[in-house]
């Protein structure tokens, strides 16, 4: 999630006014749009076609994500089974023809392998919808596995693995993952050995395992007809294997029940510190109150640590959503003990004091304004609809966020602060020859 800090008075007032206006408009329009929910040849489809622009965006979600990496599965296979065909093109044309065609049609294809699901996205213009769908579906049904592209992606993967420590921000997150998600499916970092073990045959085999209809959720946002989309799916993706996907679910990380820390030495002029703590699931009653509470903590930390004391140029708190949600605090500073003490004081204050409804409303309006900006495009709407379906169990939850936020009361903020702002697990990267007492700031 994105949090914005404004320390210029006029900017803050202007933004608050914009938030209030948007909150009023969105509150009046917080109705569930006419999304068509249907199944074609075993593939679940969600179509929103009450769109007034000429862009068509679609996301093919593949359920599972990191849960697929059980029993020693190479954690890079899913990334490669998606990225390699998207880079190589379909079998019916050469790689050069594929790239020329997508460029001439202003067609954009992307892939992603995530913790809860993977996806393949396509954005195109309505005038080239027929050709774009044909190219997109051919990538899935008849993928090409170009050897040169395979080696290029593998080389890039190995470089990224070997250079993890060169990016302090990324590496402290890697350290925090390794602590908080010990023994959990969410922590399965790839190694150079696993990259070298990949073969084109193993990727082809995993493609057949991954692209099954029981995993698929297709979300389309664009001005096209339902009958046209049904016909296209039936002639292409409908021919794929049904499969038997089982959602095993997730357990909470064991670190949710205890605090802890890890630190590593690196000759840096500043410390990079990141802490994780547990948060409620998006389907829990407490979720949206915790979203607001985390936003409030973010603003308080910025005000106390950066604005008033000038101890850092970057401090934040955030809530990572998904099937398994967790909170984060982050700071980079030359004064780690001072900053960690302030973080503890601010959290303990929120645990013991009711906030005002005025402060809560400010953060609700801020969140709604950012929500509106994030979902201005067709592709972002398709992503939000599909994520809601996969993560919460129903796509309608994508359109009830404002209602849930408006229900948050001061007592909810107090309860969620007391329940979730604890058992923090810190990772620190920096010159640990200097004194830093992480163990003193755990609660």
Protein backbone atom coordinates (compact mmCIF):
# COMPACT_ATOMS: atom_id res chain seq x y z
CA UNK A 1 0.00 0.00 0.00
CA UNK A 2 1.08 3.58 -0.67
CA UNK A 3 1.22 6.22 2.04
CA UNK A 4 1.80 9.91 1.31
CA UNK A 5 3.34 12.35 3.74
CA UNK A 6 2.86 16.09 3.23
CA UNK A 7 4.80 18.45 5.49
CA UNK A 8 4.06 21.70 3.63
CA UNK A 9 0.91 23.25 5.24
CA UNK A 10 -0.71 24.36 1.97
CA UNK A 11 -0.08 21.00 0.31
CA UNK A 12 -1.60 19.26 3.29
CA UNK A 13 -4.71 21.46 3.24
CA UNK A 14 -5.12 21.06 -0.52
CA UNK A 15 -4.80 17.31 -0.28
CA UNK A 16 -7.26 17.08 2.61
CA UNK A 17 -9.78 19.08 0.55
CA UNK A 18 -9.24 16.75 -2.42
CA UNK A 19 -9.71 13.74 -0.16
CA UNK A 20 -12.98 15.08 1.22
CA UNK A 21 -14.32 15.77 -2.27
CA UNK A 22 -13.32 12.34 -3.54
CA UNK A 23 -14.70 10.67 -0.41
CA UNK A 24 -18.05 12.36 -1.00
CA UNK A 25 -18.15 11.39 -4.69
CA UNK A 26 -17.02 7.80 -4.13
CA UNK A 27 -19.38 7.33 -1.19
CA UNK A 28 -22.31 8.18 -3.45
CA UNK A 29 -21.02 5.87 -6.20
CA UNK A 30 -20.01 2.92 -4.03
CA UNK A 31 -22.39 0.58 -5.82
CA UNK A 32 -21.36 -2.78 -7.22
CA UNK A 33 -21.03 -2.34 -11.01
CA UNK A 34 -22.73 -4.69 -13.48
CA UNK A 35 -20.03 -7.36 -13.66
CA UNK A 36 -20.99 -10.53 -15.50
CA UNK A 37 -19.90 -13.71 -13.73
CA UNK A 38 -19.99 -16.87 -15.81
CA UNK A 39 -18.11 -20.06 -16.71
CA UNK A 40 -16.87 -21.16 -20.12
CA UNK A 41 -15.69 -24.75 -20.56
CA UNK A 42 -14.74 -24.91 -16.89
CA UNK A 43 -12.98 -21.50 -16.79
CA UNK A 44 -14.39 -18.90 -14.39
CA UNK A 45 -14.80 -15.50 -16.13
CA UNK A 46 -15.57 -12.02 -14.79
CA UNK A 47 -16.43 -9.38 -17.40
CA UNK A 48 -16.94 -5.68 -16.85
CA UNK A 49 -17.95 -4.08 -20.15
CA UNK A 50 -19.71 -0.89 -19.03
CA UNK A 51 -16.53 0.97 -19.99
CA UNK A 52 -16.47 4.15 -22.07
CA UNK A 53 -12.90 3.95 -23.39
CA UNK A 54 -11.36 1.90 -26.19
CA UNK A 55 -8.91 -0.07 -24.04
CA UNK A 56 -9.40 -3.76 -23.31
CA UNK A 57 -7.51 -5.18 -20.35
CA UNK A 58 -7.49 -8.75 -19.15
CA UNK A 59 -5.78 -10.70 -16.41
CA UNK A 60 -5.54 -14.47 -16.36
CA UNK A 61 -5.07 -15.41 -12.70
CA UNK A 62 -3.57 -18.79 -11.83
CA UNK A 63 -4.41 -19.83 -8.28
CA UNK A 64 -1.71 -21.17 -6.00
CA UNK A 65 1.42 -19.05 -6.13
CA UNK A 66 4.04 -20.16 -3.62
CA UNK A 67 1.82 -22.98 -2.42
CA UNK A 68 2.87 -24.73 -5.64
CA UNK A 69 6.45 -24.97 -4.35
CA UNK A 70 5.76 -27.85 -1.99
CA UNK A 71 7.76 -31.06 -2.04
CA UNK A 72 11.00 -29.59 -3.36
CA UNK A 73 9.61 -27.87 -6.47
CA UNK A 74 12.16 -25.46 -7.96
CA UNK A 75 10.91 -21.98 -6.89
CA UNK A 76 11.94 -20.50 -10.24
CA UNK A 77 9.80 -22.81 -12.38
CA UNK A 78 6.60 -20.76 -12.13
CA UNK A 79 8.35 -17.51 -13.01
CA UNK A 80 9.99 -19.09 -16.06
CA UNK A 81 6.86 -20.94 -17.21
CA UNK A 82 5.19 -17.51 -17.46
CA UNK A 83 8.01 -15.18 -18.46
CA UNK A 84 9.72 -17.34 -21.09
CA UNK A 85 6.70 -17.74 -23.44
CA UNK A 86 5.80 -14.06 -22.95
CA UNK A 87 9.30 -13.17 -24.10
CA UNK A 88 9.57 -15.82 -26.85
CA UNK A 89 6.12 -15.61 -28.42
CA UNK A 90 3.77 -18.39 -29.62
CA UNK A 91 4.86 -21.31 -31.81
CA UNK A 92 2.93 -20.08 -34.85
CA UNK A 93 5.37 -17.19 -35.44
CA UNK A 94 9.01 -16.36 -34.94
CA UNK A 95 10.18 -14.34 -31.97
CA UNK A 96 10.86 -11.36 -34.24
CA UNK A 97 7.39 -11.56 -35.82
CA UNK A 98 5.82 -11.74 -32.37
CA UNK A 99 7.60 -8.63 -31.16
CA UNK A 100 6.82 -6.72 -34.33
CA UNK A 101 3.15 -7.69 -34.11
CA UNK A 102 2.67 -6.72 -30.47
CA UNK A 103 4.48 -3.43 -31.08
CA UNK A 104 2.37 -2.55 -34.13
CA UNK A 105 -0.87 -3.29 -32.23
CA UNK A 106 0.21 -1.32 -29.12
CA UNK A 107 -0.30 -4.55 -27.20
CA UNK A 108 1.39 -5.05 -23.84
CA UNK A 109 1.83 -8.46 -22.17
CA UNK A 110 3.25 -8.96 -18.68
CA UNK A 111 3.56 -11.86 -16.26
CA UNK A 112 4.08 -12.22 -12.53
CA UNK A 113 4.62 -15.08 -10.10
CA UNK A 114 3.45 -14.15 -6.60
CA UNK A 115 2.83 -15.53 -3.15
CA UNK A 116 -0.90 -16.20 -3.50
CA UNK A 117 -1.32 -16.49 -7.26
CA UNK A 118 0.42 -15.87 -10.55
CA UNK A 119 -0.92 -13.96 -13.52
CA UNK A 120 -0.55 -13.10 -17.17
CA UNK A 121 -1.90 -9.70 -18.24
CA UNK A 122 -2.73 -8.17 -21.60
CA UNK A 123 -3.60 -4.57 -22.44
CA UNK A 124 -4.67 -3.71 -25.98
CA UNK A 125 -6.90 -1.35 -27.94
CA UNK A 126 -10.37 -2.40 -29.01
CA UNK A 127 -9.59 -2.08 -32.72
CA UNK A 128 -7.00 -4.86 -32.42
CA UNK A 129 -8.95 -6.96 -29.91
CA UNK A 130 -9.33 -10.01 -32.19
CA UNK A 131 -5.63 -10.21 -33.08
CA UNK A 132 -4.59 -9.41 -29.53
CA UNK A 133 -6.70 -12.20 -28.06
CA UNK A 134 -5.37 -14.64 -30.66
CA UNK A 135 -1.77 -13.75 -29.76
CA UNK A 136 -2.43 -13.82 -26.02
CA UNK A 137 -4.21 -17.19 -26.09
CA UNK A 138 -1.58 -18.71 -28.40
CA UNK A 139 1.08 -17.80 -25.81
CA UNK A 140 -0.81 -19.97 -23.34
CA UNK A 141 -1.99 -22.84 -25.53
CA UNK A 142 0.98 -23.04 -27.92
CA UNK A 143 3.95 -21.38 -26.18
CA UNK A 144 7.41 -21.09 -27.68
CA UNK A 145 10.48 -21.72 -25.51
CA UNK A 146 13.30 -19.83 -27.16
CA UNK A 147 16.73 -21.05 -26.03
CA UNK A 148 18.37 -17.62 -26.29
CA UNK A 149 15.61 -16.02 -24.23
CA UNK A 150 15.92 -18.81 -21.68
CA UNK A 151 19.64 -18.21 -21.23
CA UNK A 152 19.13 -14.44 -21.10
CA UNK A 153 16.53 -14.73 -18.33
CA UNK A 154 18.66 -17.26 -16.44
CA UNK A 155 21.73 -15.01 -16.61
CA UNK A 156 19.65 -12.11 -15.29
CA UNK A 157 18.32 -14.32 -12.47
CA UNK A 158 21.81 -15.39 -11.40
CA UNK A 159 23.06 -11.80 -11.46
CA UNK A 160 20.14 -10.74 -9.25
CA UNK A 161 20.75 -13.56 -6.78
CA UNK A 162 24.47 -12.82 -6.55
CA UNK A 163 23.86 -9.10 -6.10
CA UNK A 164 21.26 -9.32 -3.30
CA UNK A 165 23.58 -7.73 -0.76
CA UNK A 166 24.38 -4.77 -3.03
CA UNK A 167 20.86 -3.34 -2.54
CA UNK A 168 20.52 -2.53 1.15
CA UNK A 169 16.76 -1.90 0.99
CA UNK A 170 16.12 -5.18 -0.79
CA UNK A 171 18.50 -7.16 1.38
CA UNK A 172 17.06 -6.02 4.71
CA UNK A 173 13.66 -7.14 3.39
CA UNK A 174 15.23 -10.49 2.49
CA UNK A 175 16.58 -10.73 6.04
CA UNK A 176 13.19 -9.87 7.54
CA UNK A 177 11.52 -12.53 5.38
CA UNK A 178 14.06 -15.13 6.49
CA UNK A 179 13.29 -14.40 10.15
CA UNK A 180 9.54 -13.89 10.12
CA UNK A 181 8.69 -16.66 7.64
CA UNK A 182 10.97 -19.37 9.02
CA UNK A 183 9.68 -22.71 7.75
CA UNK A 184 6.78 -21.04 5.94
CA UNK A 185 5.87 -21.36 2.26
CA UNK A 186 6.13 -17.57 1.86
CA UNK A 187 9.90 -17.85 2.30
CA UNK A 188 11.49 -19.84 -0.52
CA UNK A 189 14.29 -17.74 -2.05
CA UNK A 190 15.89 -19.06 -5.22
CA UNK A 191 19.53 -20.06 -5.34
CA UNK A 192 22.09 -20.05 -8.14
CA UNK A 193 22.06 -23.86 -8.05
CA UNK A 194 18.29 -23.86 -8.64
CA UNK A 195 18.68 -21.45 -11.55
CA UNK A 196 21.33 -23.67 -13.13
CA UNK A 197 19.15 -26.75 -12.62
CA UNK A 198 16.38 -25.40 -14.86
CA UNK A 199 15.94 -26.94 -18.30
CA UNK A 200 13.55 -26.21 -21.15
CA UNK A 201 11.99 -29.65 -20.64
CA UNK A 202 11.32 -28.95 -16.95
CA UNK A 203 9.73 -25.61 -17.83
CA UNK A 204 7.51 -27.22 -20.49
CA UNK A 205 6.38 -29.84 -18.01
CA UNK A 206 5.62 -27.21 -15.36
CA UNK A 207 3.64 -25.18 -17.90
CA UNK A 208 1.30 -28.14 -18.36
CA UNK A 209 0.98 -28.46 -14.57
CA UNK A 210 0.34 -24.74 -14.10
CA UNK A 211 -2.04 -23.86 -16.93
CA UNK A 212 -5.05 -25.96 -15.99
CA UNK A 213 -8.60 -24.70 -16.04
CA UNK A 214 -9.26 -25.47 -12.38
CA UNK A 215 -6.63 -22.84 -11.48
CA UNK A 216 -7.82 -20.19 -13.93
CA UNK A 217 -9.76 -17.01 -13.28
CA UNK A 218 -10.08 -14.69 -16.28
CA UNK A 219 -11.00 -11.07 -15.59
CA UNK A 220 -11.71 -8.74 -18.53
CA UNK A 221 -12.43 -5.01 -18.37
CA UNK A 222 -13.29 -3.43 -21.69
CA UNK A 223 -16.10 -2.63 -24.10
CA UNK A 224 -16.56 -6.10 -25.61
CA UNK A 225 -19.55 -8.42 -25.68
CA UNK A 226 -20.06 -11.47 -23.52
CA UNK A 227 -20.91 -13.62 -26.54
CA UNK A 228 -17.69 -12.62 -28.31
CA UNK A 229 -15.60 -13.45 -25.25
CA UNK A 230 -17.32 -16.82 -24.78
CA UNK A 231 -16.65 -17.72 -28.41
CA UNK A 232 -12.98 -16.78 -28.11
CA UNK A 233 -12.45 -18.74 -24.89
CA UNK A 234 -14.24 -21.80 -26.26
CA UNK A 235 -11.98 -21.85 -29.35
CA UNK A 236 -8.73 -21.43 -27.39
CA UNK A 237 -8.34 -21.78 -23.62
CA UNK A 238 -11.33 -24.09 -23.44
CA UNK A 239 -9.26 -26.87 -24.99
CA UNK A 240 -6.80 -26.98 -22.08
CA UNK A 241 -6.78 -29.68 -19.42
CA UNK A 242 -9.22 -29.36 -16.52
CA UNK A 243 -6.76 -30.49 -13.84
CA UNK A 244 -7.55 -30.86 -10.15
CA UNK A 245 -6.27 -27.84 -8.26
CA UNK A 246 -6.65 -28.00 -4.47
CA UNK A 247 -6.29 -24.92 -2.29
CA UNK A 248 -4.42 -26.11 0.79
CA UNK A 249 -4.61 -22.74 2.53
CA UNK A 250 -1.92 -21.18 4.71
CA UNK A 251 -0.99 -21.25 8.35
CA UNK A 252 0.18 -18.18 10.27
CA UNK A 253 3.96 -17.81 10.64
CA UNK A 254 5.21 -19.22 13.93
CA UNK A 255 6.90 -15.86 14.60
CA UNK A 256 3.46 -14.29 15.10
CA UNK A 257 3.60 -15.57 18.66
CA UNK A 258 6.97 -14.10 19.62
CA UNK A 259 9.23 -11.15 18.91
CA UNK A 260 12.85 -11.45 17.78
CA UNK A 261 15.57 -9.93 15.69
CA UNK A 262 18.43 -10.66 13.33
CA UNK A 263 21.29 -8.40 12.30
CA UNK A 264 24.13 -8.50 9.79
CA UNK A 265 27.24 -6.43 9.40
CA UNK A 266 27.72 -4.33 6.30
CA UNK A 267 29.95 -1.28 6.01
CA UNK A 268 27.20 1.28 5.46
CA UNK A 269 26.93 4.88 6.63
CA UNK A 270 23.40 4.24 7.91
CA UNK A 271 21.38 1.38 9.36
CA UNK A 272 18.55 -0.21 7.40
CA UNK A 273 15.93 -1.71 9.71
CA UNK A 274 12.71 -3.50 8.86
CA UNK A 275 10.26 -5.14 11.24
CA UNK A 276 7.32 -7.48 10.60
CA UNK A 277 4.26 -8.19 12.72
CA UNK A 278 1.10 -10.20 12.14
CA UNK A 279 -2.12 -8.68 10.83
CA UNK A 280 -5.68 -9.97 10.35
CA UNK A 281 -6.78 -11.59 7.11
CA UNK A 282 -8.72 -9.45 4.66
CA UNK A 283 -11.81 -11.49 5.46
CA UNK A 284 -11.54 -10.73 9.19
CA UNK A 285 -13.64 -8.07 10.90
CA UNK A 286 -10.50 -6.31 12.16
CA UNK A 287 -8.81 -5.93 8.78
CA UNK A 288 -9.90 -2.44 7.73
CA UNK A 289 -9.50 -1.04 11.23
CA UNK A 290 -5.92 -2.35 11.15
CA UNK A 291 -5.41 -0.68 7.75
CA UNK A 292 -6.42 2.65 9.27
CA UNK A 293 -4.38 2.06 12.44
CA UNK A 294 -1.27 1.31 10.37
CA UNK A 295 -1.81 4.48 8.35
CA UNK A 296 -2.10 6.45 11.58
CA UNK A 297 1.12 4.90 12.89
CA UNK A 298 2.83 5.78 9.61
CA UNK A 299 1.93 9.46 9.97
CA UNK A 300 2.91 9.59 13.64
CA UNK A 301 6.32 8.03 12.98
CA UNK A 302 6.99 10.44 10.13
CA UNK A 303 6.00 13.39 12.28
CA UNK A 304 8.01 12.36 15.34
CA UNK A 305 11.13 10.87 13.76
CA UNK A 306 11.63 12.87 10.59
CA UNK A 307 9.80 16.17 10.97
CA UNK A 308 10.37 16.95 14.65
CA UNK A 309 13.72 15.27 15.31
CA UNK A 310 15.28 14.91 11.85
CA UNK A 311 16.65 11.45 12.70
CA UNK A 312 15.95 9.92 9.29
CA UNK A 313 14.96 10.66 5.72
CA UNK A 314 12.80 7.51 5.43
CA UNK A 315 10.45 5.97 7.98
CA UNK A 316 7.15 4.22 7.37
CA UNK A 317 4.66 1.63 8.47
CA UNK A 318 2.70 -0.41 5.99
CA UNK A 319 0.27 -3.30 5.72
CA UNK A 320 1.00 -6.03 3.17
CA UNK A 321 -2.23 -7.61 1.96
CA UNK A 322 -2.93 -11.03 0.53
CA UNK A 323 -4.27 -14.33 1.80
CA UNK A 324 -1.84 -13.89 4.66
CA UNK A 325 -1.47 -10.27 5.75
CA UNK A 326 1.32 -8.77 7.82
CA UNK A 327 2.49 -5.35 8.91
CA UNK A 328 5.84 -3.67 8.38
CA UNK A 329 7.80 -0.86 9.93
CA UNK A 330 10.83 0.46 8.08
CA UNK A 331 13.53 2.97 8.84
CA UNK A 332 16.96 3.95 7.63
CA UNK A 333 18.93 6.04 10.11
CA UNK A 334 22.27 6.80 11.72
CA UNK A 335 20.53 6.76 15.11
CA UNK A 336 18.87 3.33 15.36
CA UNK A 337 18.38 3.25 19.13
CA UNK A 338 16.71 6.65 19.25
CA UNK A 339 14.39 5.77 16.37
CA UNK A 340 13.49 2.34 17.71
CA UNK A 341 12.64 3.85 21.09
CA UNK A 342 10.30 6.36 19.43
CA UNK A 343 8.64 3.59 17.43
CA UNK A 344 8.04 1.67 20.65
CA UNK A 345 6.67 4.75 22.40
CA UNK A 346 4.28 5.57 19.55
CA UNK A 347 3.00 2.01 19.34
CA UNK A 348 2.48 1.81 23.09
CA UNK A 349 0.66 5.15 23.03
CA UNK A 350 -1.73 3.83 20.38
CA UNK A 351 -2.23 0.70 22.48
CA UNK A 352 -3.34 2.78 25.46
CA UNK A 353 -5.30 5.74 24.04
CA UNK A 354 -8.44 6.14 21.98
CA UNK A 355 -7.83 8.25 18.86
CA UNK A 356 -10.25 10.96 17.81
CA UNK A 357 -12.80 10.27 15.10
CA UNK A 358 -11.39 13.32 13.26
CA UNK A 359 -7.96 11.68 12.96
CA UNK A 360 -9.57 8.42 11.85
CA UNK A 361 -11.62 10.20 9.18
CA UNK A 362 -8.51 11.93 7.83
CA UNK A 363 -6.80 8.59 7.27
CA UNK A 364 -9.94 7.03 5.81
CA UNK A 365 -10.19 9.88 3.31
CA UNK A 366 -6.50 9.59 2.53
CA UNK A 367 -6.83 5.88 1.85
CA UNK A 368 -9.91 6.34 -0.33
CA UNK A 369 -8.20 9.04 -2.39
CA UNK A 370 -5.25 6.75 -3.03
CA UNK A 371 -7.62 3.91 -3.85
CA UNK A 372 -9.32 6.06 -6.48
CA UNK A 373 -5.99 7.02 -8.04
CA UNK A 374 -4.79 3.42 -8.12
CA UNK A 375 -7.89 2.18 -9.95
CA UNK A 376 -8.14 4.75 -12.72
CA UNK A 377 -7.12 2.31 -15.48
CA UNK A 378 -8.86 -0.74 -16.90
CA UNK A 379 -5.98 -3.04 -15.98
CA UNK A 380 -5.89 -1.88 -12.37
CA UNK A 381 -9.64 -2.51 -12.09
CA UNK A 382 -9.24 -5.99 -13.55
CA UNK A 383 -6.45 -6.68 -11.08
CA UNK A 384 -8.51 -5.43 -8.11
CA UNK A 385 -11.55 -7.52 -9.09
CA UNK A 386 -9.49 -10.68 -9.52
CA UNK A 387 -7.48 -10.16 -6.33
CA UNK A 388 -10.68 -9.74 -4.34
CA UNK A 389 -12.05 -13.00 -5.74
CA UNK A 390 -8.89 -15.00 -5.05
CA UNK A 391 -7.89 -13.48 -1.70
CA UNK A 392 -11.30 -12.88 -0.07
CA UNK A 393 -13.45 -15.43 -1.88
CA UNK A 394 -15.73 -13.01 -3.71
CA UNK A 395 -15.05 -10.26 -6.25
CA UNK A 396 -17.82 -8.10 -4.76
CA UNK A 397 -15.47 -7.23 -1.87
CA UNK A 398 -13.53 -5.04 -4.30
CA UNK A 399 -16.49 -2.65 -4.20
CA UNK A 400 -17.31 -2.65 -0.50
CA UNK A 401 -14.03 -1.15 0.74
CA UNK A 402 -15.45 2.33 1.33
CA UNK A 403 -18.35 0.93 3.34
CA UNK A 404 -15.96 -1.10 5.51
CA UNK A 405 -13.71 1.91 6.10
CA UNK A 406 -16.62 4.13 7.08
CA UNK A 407 -17.52 1.65 9.85
CA UNK A 408 -14.19 2.07 11.68
CA UNK A 409 -14.55 3.56 15.18
CA UNK A 410 -11.98 4.72 17.78
CA UNK A 411 -12.60 1.56 19.81
CA UNK A 412 -11.70 -0.54 16.76
CA UNK A 413 -8.37 1.29 16.36
CA UNK A 414 -7.55 0.76 20.04
CA UNK A 415 -8.46 -2.93 19.95
CA UNK A 416 -6.50 -3.64 16.76
CA UNK A 417 -3.46 -1.71 18.01
CA UNK A 418 -3.46 -3.79 21.18
CA UNK A 419 -4.00 -7.04 19.30
CA UNK A 420 -1.66 -6.70 16.32
CA UNK A 421 1.04 -4.09 17.07
CA UNK A 422 3.10 -6.60 19.06
CA UNK A 423 5.53 -9.50 18.61
CA UNK A 424 7.52 -7.49 16.11
CA UNK A 425 10.45 -9.20 14.42
CA UNK A 426 13.28 -6.87 13.35
CA UNK A 427 16.04 -7.24 10.79
CA UNK A 428 18.92 -4.75 10.84
CA UNK A 429 21.65 -4.24 8.24
CA UNK A 430 24.57 -1.91 8.89
CA UNK A 431 27.75 -1.33 10.82
CA UNK A 432 26.96 -3.56 13.80
CA UNK A 433 30.34 -2.77 15.39
CA UNK A 434 28.51 0.33 16.58
CA UNK A 435 26.12 -0.29 19.48
CA UNK A 436 22.56 -1.18 18.51
CA UNK A 437 20.32 -2.84 21.08
CA UNK A 438 17.50 -4.41 19.09
CA UNK A 439 16.59 -6.73 21.93
CA UNK A 440 15.61 -3.76 24.12
CA UNK A 441 12.90 -2.62 21.70
CA UNK A 442 10.88 -5.80 21.41
CA UNK A 443 7.39 -6.11 22.86
